[in-house]
Amino acid sequence: MGRFKVYQDPSSDMTLVSNRFIDHYLPDANDAQIKIYLYLLRTLGADAGCSVSDLADRFNFTEKDVERALSYWNKKGLIRLIRDGSSAISGIVFNPVPDPLPPVKEESLPENAGKAPLTESASSDPESAPSSPEPASSVPKKIEYSADDVNDFRNKADTAELIFVVEQYLNKTLTPSEIRTLIFFKDPENGLGFSNDLIDYLFEYCLSRDKKSFRYIETVAIRWAEDGITDPKQAAEKTSLYQKEVYEVMKSLGKSSAPTRTEVDYVTKWTKDMAFSMDIIYEACARTVNGTDKRRFQYADKILTSWFEKNVHSKADIEALDREREKESKKASGNAGDSGNSGDQRGTGTAAVPQYKQFSQRTYDFDELEKELLKR
């Protein structure tokens, strides 16, 4: 079927949504987050204020649902929450939608500021985009390619074929923003300088992990460039290691994102430096998930470091440590209980009566109680 263009009637009443929002943020957001963001855009266009309770009533959410959605977009950097002295949300600033996006911090209103509407314009805040906390990378920063760059990329024979292959992988037509990302992958001067074969393998690899987000694919591409990967063979060797070790650990710890450099270093430490087998690492991961939902790699590292110091080599060694710890715990508990008993009780060999049975049982005359109640 032929391609078609979409036009807007100048008289139509519409709310405009950033293409970057649609391309990079819409796929990962849940129902509540999308509805809240789009409705806030609507109120911004109408120059109308609203509140958390208004949003909750309109979409049949709880106020907690609304606050979580607002916090999500605040962390993504698309909005900036302004809070008053009581920590209530008194204003929201829409930030330009960057690509990629650093997180922003919440701010408090000055003491002399009046009460602001929930939605504000972003133009009054020139300092709304903080610097990224990530360390400096040797990979060039992605530039904003022009519409002419996109057209040239489409029309060249080798890159037109690349676009066709990627569209077949994703089963969709690429947007201009996605084509700009392909240009970044391919660009030898201002981008990553990947060959068509390496880009082909990049998409094949990411889709084999059921990852279709361009943002995720770009993260993997940058990681490969940082590792000096220049051809599919090198990528296969690196991803083989990641698939067998790093990604299995990521999955065991409940993580689905691309691994960071620090996370890869942790897995390398456990598998290479400490020489633990994967079954022991999985056991540490299972205990980590049961023990905490924050800083899981650090938590697992403490477990594995402790086992390394105690010369653990198998799951049988772990079970022996667990039994020893349980024995010590019972011993400590027994000593605490003995200190509260008299010497005569310990000497008779008679089991001590549990504390909950040492109370004298109360007896009640229910007839008398009923009479007392009737008198009131």
Protein backbone atom coordinates (compact mmCIF):
# COMPACT_ATOMS: atom_id res chain seq x y z
CA MET A 1 0.00 0.00 0.00
CA GLY A 2 1.16 3.58 -0.70
CA ARG A 3 2.48 5.94 1.98
CA PHE A 4 0.31 8.83 3.13
CA LYS A 5 0.83 12.09 5.02
CA VAL A 6 -1.12 13.32 8.03
CA TYR A 7 -2.18 17.00 8.13
CA GLN A 8 -3.70 19.18 10.83
CA ASP A 9 -6.70 21.43 10.26
CA PRO A 10 -5.63 24.90 11.46
CA SER A 11 -8.97 25.35 13.23
CA SER A 12 -8.76 22.07 15.14
CA ASP A 13 -8.57 22.09 18.95
CA MET A 14 -5.53 19.89 19.65
CA THR A 15 -2.84 19.26 22.27
CA LEU A 16 0.61 18.78 20.76
CA VAL A 17 2.85 16.02 22.10
CA SER A 18 6.62 15.91 21.61
CA ASN A 19 7.84 13.31 19.13
CA ARG A 20 10.62 12.47 21.55
CA PHE A 21 8.02 11.68 24.18
CA ILE A 22 6.25 9.32 21.78
CA ASP A 23 9.48 7.72 20.52
CA HIS A 24 11.40 7.32 23.77
CA TYR A 25 9.09 7.58 26.79
CA LEU A 26 5.66 6.35 25.77
CA PRO A 27 6.71 2.67 25.30
CA ASP A 28 8.03 2.29 28.87
CA ALA A 29 5.30 4.19 30.73
CA ASN A 30 2.25 2.54 32.27
CA ASP A 31 -1.40 3.49 31.81
CA ALA A 32 -1.59 5.90 34.76
CA GLN A 33 1.67 7.65 33.89
CA ILE A 34 0.62 8.22 30.26
CA LYS A 35 -2.85 9.53 31.19
CA ILE A 36 -1.49 11.92 33.81
CA TYR A 37 1.21 13.33 31.50
CA LEU A 38 -1.16 13.84 28.56
CA TYR A 39 -3.81 15.47 30.73
CA LEU A 40 -1.23 17.82 32.24
CA LEU A 41 -0.31 18.83 28.68
CA ARG A 42 -4.00 19.47 28.07
CA THR A 43 -4.27 21.74 31.12
CA LEU A 44 -1.09 23.54 30.05
CA GLY A 45 -2.60 24.27 26.63
CA ALA A 46 -5.84 25.46 28.22
CA ASP A 47 -3.95 27.56 30.81
CA ALA A 48 -5.99 25.82 33.52
CA GLY A 49 -4.84 24.66 36.94
CA CYS A 50 -5.72 21.39 38.62
CA SER A 51 -4.80 19.34 41.67
CA VAL A 52 -3.79 15.82 42.64
CA SER A 53 -7.34 15.12 43.82
CA ASP A 54 -8.76 16.45 40.52
CA LEU A 55 -6.55 14.07 38.56
CA ALA A 56 -7.47 11.15 40.83
CA ASP A 57 -11.21 11.82 40.41
CA ARG A 58 -11.01 12.28 36.65
CA PHE A 59 -9.23 8.98 35.96
CA ASN A 60 -10.56 6.97 38.89
CA PHE A 61 -7.07 6.66 40.39
CA THR A 62 -6.05 6.97 44.01
CA GLU A 63 -4.13 10.09 44.96
CA LYS A 64 -1.12 7.83 45.58
CA ASP A 65 -1.37 6.62 41.97
CA VAL A 66 -1.29 10.22 40.77
CA GLU A 67 1.64 11.13 43.02
CA ARG A 68 3.59 8.08 41.83
CA ALA A 69 2.94 9.04 38.19
CA LEU A 70 4.09 12.61 38.83
CA SER A 71 7.19 11.35 40.63
CA TYR A 72 7.93 9.04 37.68
CA TRP A 73 7.92 11.90 35.15
CA ASN A 74 9.89 14.07 37.57
CA LYS A 75 12.61 11.40 37.76
CA LYS A 76 12.57 11.04 33.98
CA GLY A 77 13.11 14.78 33.74
CA LEU A 78 10.04 15.63 31.66
CA ILE A 79 8.55 17.71 34.49
CA ARG A 80 9.86 19.44 37.58
CA LEU A 81 7.73 19.30 40.72
CA ILE A 82 7.58 22.43 42.88
CA ARG A 83 6.57 21.93 46.50
CA ASP A 84 5.49 24.41 49.14
CA GLY A 85 6.62 24.52 52.77
CA SER A 86 4.38 21.57 53.69
CA SER A 87 5.83 19.43 50.84
CA ALA A 88 2.54 19.59 48.92
CA ILE A 89 2.79 19.95 45.13
CA SER A 90 2.06 23.59 44.29
CA GLY A 91 3.37 23.76 40.75
CA ILE A 92 4.64 21.69 37.83
CA VAL A 93 7.12 22.93 35.25
CA PHE A 94 7.24 21.18 31.87
CA ASN A 95 10.84 20.71 30.74
CA PRO A 96 11.83 20.38 27.09
CA VAL A 97 11.91 16.67 26.23
CA PRO A 98 15.61 15.88 25.72
CA ASP A 99 17.21 12.83 24.11
CA PRO A 100 18.70 11.16 26.11
CA LEU A 101 17.21 12.49 29.32
CA PRO A 102 19.03 13.18 32.64
CA PRO A 103 17.03 13.14 35.91
CA VAL A 104 16.09 16.39 37.63
CA LYS A 105 15.61 17.22 41.28
CA GLU A 106 12.51 18.57 42.94
CA GLU A 107 12.68 22.16 44.17
CA SER A 108 10.93 24.13 46.89
CA LEU A 109 9.21 27.47 46.38
CA PRO A 110 10.87 30.57 47.85
CA GLU A 111 9.25 31.74 51.07
CA ASN A 112 7.92 34.92 49.44
CA ALA A 113 6.38 33.15 46.45
CA GLY A 114 2.63 33.07 46.10
CA LYS A 115 0.69 29.88 45.57
CA ALA A 116 1.30 28.70 42.00
CA PRO A 117 -1.07 26.72 39.77
CA LEU A 118 -0.31 23.04 39.35
CA THR A 119 0.89 23.54 35.76
CA GLU A 120 3.45 26.18 34.78
CA SER A 121 5.34 27.13 31.65
CA ALA A 122 8.88 25.81 31.30
CA SER A 123 10.14 29.01 29.68
CA SER A 124 10.60 30.75 33.05
CA ASP A 125 13.19 28.23 34.24
CA PRO A 126 16.50 28.48 32.36
CA GLU A 127 18.27 26.12 34.75
CA SER A 128 15.88 23.19 34.55
CA ALA A 129 18.35 20.82 32.85
CA PRO A 130 21.02 19.57 35.29
CA SER A 131 24.19 17.88 34.28
CA SER A 132 24.21 14.09 33.96
CA PRO A 133 25.72 12.15 36.89
CA GLU A 134 27.32 9.64 34.52
CA PRO A 135 31.10 9.81 34.13
CA ALA A 136 32.57 11.25 30.95
CA SER A 137 32.56 8.79 28.05
CA SER A 138 35.00 8.38 25.17
CA VAL A 139 32.00 7.98 22.84
CA PRO A 140 30.92 11.17 20.96
CA LYS A 141 27.78 12.82 22.28
CA LYS A 142 24.81 12.36 19.97
CA ILE A 143 24.19 15.48 17.88
CA GLU A 144 20.87 16.69 16.48
CA TYR A 145 20.86 15.63 12.83
CA SER A 146 18.83 17.82 10.46
CA ALA A 147 15.92 16.89 8.21
CA ASP A 148 18.33 17.07 5.25
CA ASP A 149 20.59 14.54 6.99
CA VAL A 150 17.60 12.22 7.38
CA ASN A 151 16.64 12.59 3.69
CA ASP A 152 20.24 11.99 2.53
CA PHE A 153 20.42 8.89 4.73
CA ARG A 154 17.18 7.57 3.24
CA ASN A 155 18.32 8.12 -0.34
CA LYS A 156 21.79 6.55 -0.22
CA ALA A 157 21.79 2.99 -1.52
CA ASP A 158 23.64 1.30 1.36
CA THR A 159 21.82 3.18 4.14
CA ALA A 160 18.42 2.80 2.45
CA GLU A 161 19.02 -0.94 2.53
CA LEU A 162 19.96 -0.68 6.23
CA ILE A 163 16.72 1.17 6.97
CA PHE A 164 14.78 -1.54 5.15
CA VAL A 165 16.49 -4.31 7.17
CA VAL A 166 15.82 -2.56 10.50
CA GLU A 167 12.18 -1.96 9.55
CA GLN A 168 11.84 -5.67 8.79
CA TYR A 169 13.31 -6.50 12.20
CA LEU A 170 10.91 -4.15 14.00
CA ASN A 171 7.95 -4.78 11.67
CA LYS A 172 7.22 -1.05 11.40
CA THR A 173 8.21 2.11 9.51
CA LEU A 174 10.98 4.05 11.24
CA THR A 175 10.24 7.56 12.51
CA PRO A 176 12.60 10.45 11.68
CA SER A 177 13.88 10.32 15.28
CA GLU A 178 14.72 6.62 14.92
CA ILE A 179 16.49 7.28 11.61
CA ARG A 180 18.56 9.97 13.36
CA THR A 181 19.63 7.28 15.84
CA LEU A 182 20.69 5.06 12.92
CA ILE A 183 22.70 7.98 11.52
CA PHE A 184 24.41 8.27 14.92
CA PHE A 185 25.28 4.56 14.81
CA LYS A 186 26.68 4.88 11.29
CA ASP A 187 28.32 8.34 11.37
CA PRO A 188 32.15 7.86 11.36
CA GLU A 189 32.90 11.48 12.35
CA ASN A 190 30.28 12.52 14.92
CA GLY A 191 28.81 9.14 15.83
CA LEU A 192 29.79 5.56 16.63
CA GLY A 193 31.11 4.66 13.16
CA PHE A 194 29.43 1.22 13.07
CA SER A 195 29.36 -0.78 9.84
CA ASN A 196 26.06 -1.99 8.37
CA ASP A 197 26.94 -5.53 9.46
CA LEU A 198 27.53 -4.45 13.06
CA ILE A 199 24.28 -2.46 13.14
CA ASP A 200 22.47 -5.49 11.70
CA TYR A 201 23.93 -7.68 14.44
CA LEU A 202 23.05 -5.05 17.07
CA PHE A 203 19.35 -5.23 16.20
CA GLU A 204 19.42 -9.00 15.85
CA TYR A 205 21.00 -9.29 19.30
CA CYS A 206 18.60 -6.87 21.03
CA LEU A 207 15.52 -8.45 19.44
CA SER A 208 16.73 -11.89 20.51
CA ARG A 209 16.38 -10.54 24.06
CA ASP A 210 12.89 -9.21 23.22
CA LYS A 211 14.10 -5.60 23.41
CA LYS A 212 12.64 -3.32 20.72
CA SER A 213 13.03 0.09 22.34
CA PHE A 214 15.38 2.35 20.38
CA ARG A 215 16.57 3.84 23.66
CA TYR A 216 17.62 0.40 24.90
CA ILE A 217 19.28 -0.44 21.56
CA GLU A 218 21.18 2.87 21.66
CA THR A 219 22.41 2.10 25.19
CA VAL A 220 23.78 -1.26 24.02
CA ALA A 221 25.41 0.38 20.98
CA ILE A 222 27.17 2.97 23.13
CA ARG A 223 28.36 0.21 25.47
CA TRP A 224 29.84 -1.67 22.51
CA ALA A 225 31.57 1.49 21.26
CA GLU A 226 33.07 2.06 24.72
CA ASP A 227 34.36 -1.52 24.67
CA GLY A 228 36.02 -0.94 21.28
CA ILE A 229 33.78 -3.35 19.38
CA THR A 230 34.07 -2.77 15.62
CA ASP A 231 32.66 -5.93 14.00
CA PRO A 232 29.99 -8.60 14.60
CA LYS A 233 32.58 -11.20 15.67
CA GLN A 234 33.81 -9.05 18.56
CA ALA A 235 30.22 -8.24 19.48
CA ALA A 236 29.31 -11.94 19.49
CA GLU A 237 32.21 -12.73 21.83
CA LYS A 238 31.24 -9.91 24.20
CA THR A 239 27.51 -10.63 24.14
CA SER A 240 28.15 -14.33 24.64
CA LEU A 241 29.81 -13.46 27.95
CA TYR A 242 26.98 -11.09 28.83
CA GLN A 243 24.28 -13.59 27.91
CA LYS A 244 25.79 -16.45 29.88
CA GLU A 245 26.79 -14.52 32.98
CA VAL A 246 25.88 -10.86 33.25
CA TYR A 247 22.33 -11.03 31.92
CA GLU A 248 21.53 -14.14 33.94
CA VAL A 249 22.67 -12.34 37.09
CA MET A 250 20.68 -9.25 36.06
CA LYS A 251 17.60 -11.43 35.62
CA SER A 252 18.19 -13.15 38.97
CA LEU A 253 18.31 -9.75 40.67
CA GLY A 254 15.08 -8.63 39.00
CA LYS A 255 16.72 -6.22 36.54
CA SER A 256 15.71 -5.98 32.88
CA SER A 257 17.78 -2.96 31.77
CA ALA A 258 21.08 -3.08 29.94
CA PRO A 259 23.89 -3.68 32.46
CA THR A 260 25.95 -0.71 33.56
CA ARG A 261 29.74 -0.79 33.64
CA THR A 262 29.65 -1.16 37.45
CA GLU A 263 27.25 -4.11 37.26
CA VAL A 264 29.44 -5.87 34.71
CA ASP A 265 32.44 -5.28 36.99
CA TYR A 266 30.59 -6.92 39.90
CA VAL A 267 29.82 -10.04 37.85
CA THR A 268 33.40 -10.17 36.61
CA LYS A 269 34.61 -9.94 40.21
CA TRP A 270 32.36 -12.80 41.33
CA THR A 271 33.06 -15.09 38.38
CA LYS A 272 36.73 -14.33 37.71
CA ASP A 273 38.36 -12.90 40.84
CA MET A 274 36.40 -15.01 43.33
CA ALA A 275 35.90 -17.92 40.89
CA PHE A 276 32.38 -18.68 42.12
CA SER A 277 30.25 -21.05 40.06
CA MET A 278 26.95 -19.66 38.76
CA ASP A 279 24.85 -21.79 41.14
CA ILE A 280 26.50 -20.08 44.14
CA ILE A 281 25.98 -16.64 42.56
CA TYR A 282 22.32 -17.49 41.89
CA GLU A 283 21.94 -18.50 45.55
CA ALA A 284 23.34 -15.12 46.64
CA CYS A 285 20.98 -13.39 44.19
CA ALA A 286 17.98 -15.27 45.59
CA ARG A 287 18.90 -14.22 49.14
CA THR A 288 19.39 -10.65 47.93
CA VAL A 289 15.94 -10.47 46.34
CA ASN A 290 14.39 -11.80 49.56
CA GLY A 291 16.43 -9.36 51.64
CA THR A 292 16.14 -6.03 49.84
CA ASP A 293 14.76 -4.22 46.81
CA LYS A 294 17.47 -1.53 46.74
CA ARG A 295 21.17 -1.58 45.81
CA ARG A 296 20.94 -5.27 45.02
CA PHE A 297 24.35 -5.64 43.41
CA GLN A 298 26.01 -4.18 46.52
CA TYR A 299 23.91 -6.42 48.78
CA ALA A 300 24.79 -9.53 46.76
CA ASP A 301 28.45 -8.49 46.77
CA LYS A 302 28.47 -8.45 50.59
CA ILE A 303 27.03 -11.98 50.66
CA LEU A 304 29.52 -13.34 48.13
CA THR A 305 32.47 -11.54 49.75
CA SER A 306 31.53 -13.11 53.09
CA TRP A 307 31.37 -16.56 51.47
CA PHE A 308 34.67 -15.95 49.71
CA GLU A 309 36.34 -15.08 53.04
CA LYS A 310 34.93 -18.29 54.55
CA ASN A 311 36.25 -20.43 51.68
CA VAL A 312 32.88 -21.41 50.26
CA HIS A 313 33.25 -23.60 47.18
CA SER A 314 29.86 -25.31 46.88
CA LYS A 315 26.25 -25.09 47.99
CA ALA A 316 27.06 -27.75 50.60
CA ASP A 317 29.49 -25.25 52.17
CA ILE A 318 26.71 -22.66 52.23
CA GLU A 319 24.34 -25.12 53.93
CA ALA A 320 27.02 -25.90 56.53
CA LEU A 321 27.43 -22.18 57.25
CA ASP A 322 23.65 -21.82 57.57
CA ARG A 323 23.51 -24.72 60.06
CA GLU A 324 26.36 -23.25 62.08
CA ARG A 325 24.70 -19.85 62.17
CA GLU A 326 21.39 -21.40 63.20
CA LYS A 327 23.15 -23.34 65.96
CA GLU A 328 24.82 -20.18 67.26
CA SER A 329 21.51 -18.34 67.14
CA LYS A 330 19.77 -21.05 69.18
CA LYS A 331 22.63 -21.09 71.65
CA ALA A 332 22.44 -17.34 72.11
CA SER A 333 18.67 -17.54 72.48
CA GLY A 334 19.03 -20.35 75.05
CA ASN A 335 21.52 -18.39 77.12
CA ALA A 336 19.17 -15.42 77.18
CA GLY A 337 16.33 -17.66 78.35
CA ASP A 338 18.44 -19.32 81.07
CA SER A 339 19.40 -15.97 82.57
CA GLY A 340 15.73 -15.33 83.36
CA ASN A 341 15.15 -18.68 85.17
CA SER A 342 15.93 -19.58 88.82
CA GLY A 343 18.70 -22.04 89.71
CA ASP A 344 16.17 -24.51 91.18
CA GLN A 345 14.34 -24.77 87.87
CA ARG A 346 17.54 -25.61 85.98
CA GLY A 347 18.58 -28.21 88.56
CA THR A 348 15.36 -30.22 88.62
CA GLY A 349 15.48 -31.12 84.95
CA THR A 350 11.86 -29.99 84.65
CA ALA A 351 11.09 -28.02 81.52
CA ALA A 352 10.48 -24.36 82.19
CA VAL A 353 6.89 -23.22 81.82
CA PRO A 354 6.49 -20.86 78.85
CA GLN A 355 5.85 -17.27 79.88
CA TYR A 356 2.46 -17.10 78.20
CA LYS A 357 1.31 -19.98 80.49
CA GLN A 358 2.63 -18.43 83.69
CA PHE A 359 -0.23 -15.92 83.96
CA SER A 360 -3.10 -16.87 86.29
CA GLN A 361 -6.24 -17.48 84.26
CA ARG A 362 -9.05 -14.98 84.81
CA THR A 363 -12.58 -16.19 85.54
CA TYR A 364 -15.64 -14.16 84.71
CA ASP A 365 -19.23 -14.26 86.07
CA PHE A 366 -21.10 -13.45 82.88
CA ASP A 367 -24.45 -13.04 84.69
CA GLU A 368 -22.96 -10.35 86.90
CA LEU A 369 -21.35 -8.65 83.90
CA GLU A 370 -24.71 -8.58 82.11
CA LYS A 371 -26.35 -6.97 85.13
CA GLU A 372 -23.66 -4.30 85.27
CA LEU A 373 -24.16 -3.51 81.60
CA LEU A 374 -27.96 -3.25 82.03
CA LYS A 375 -27.50 -0.76 84.89
CA ARG A 376 -25.64 1.59 82.50
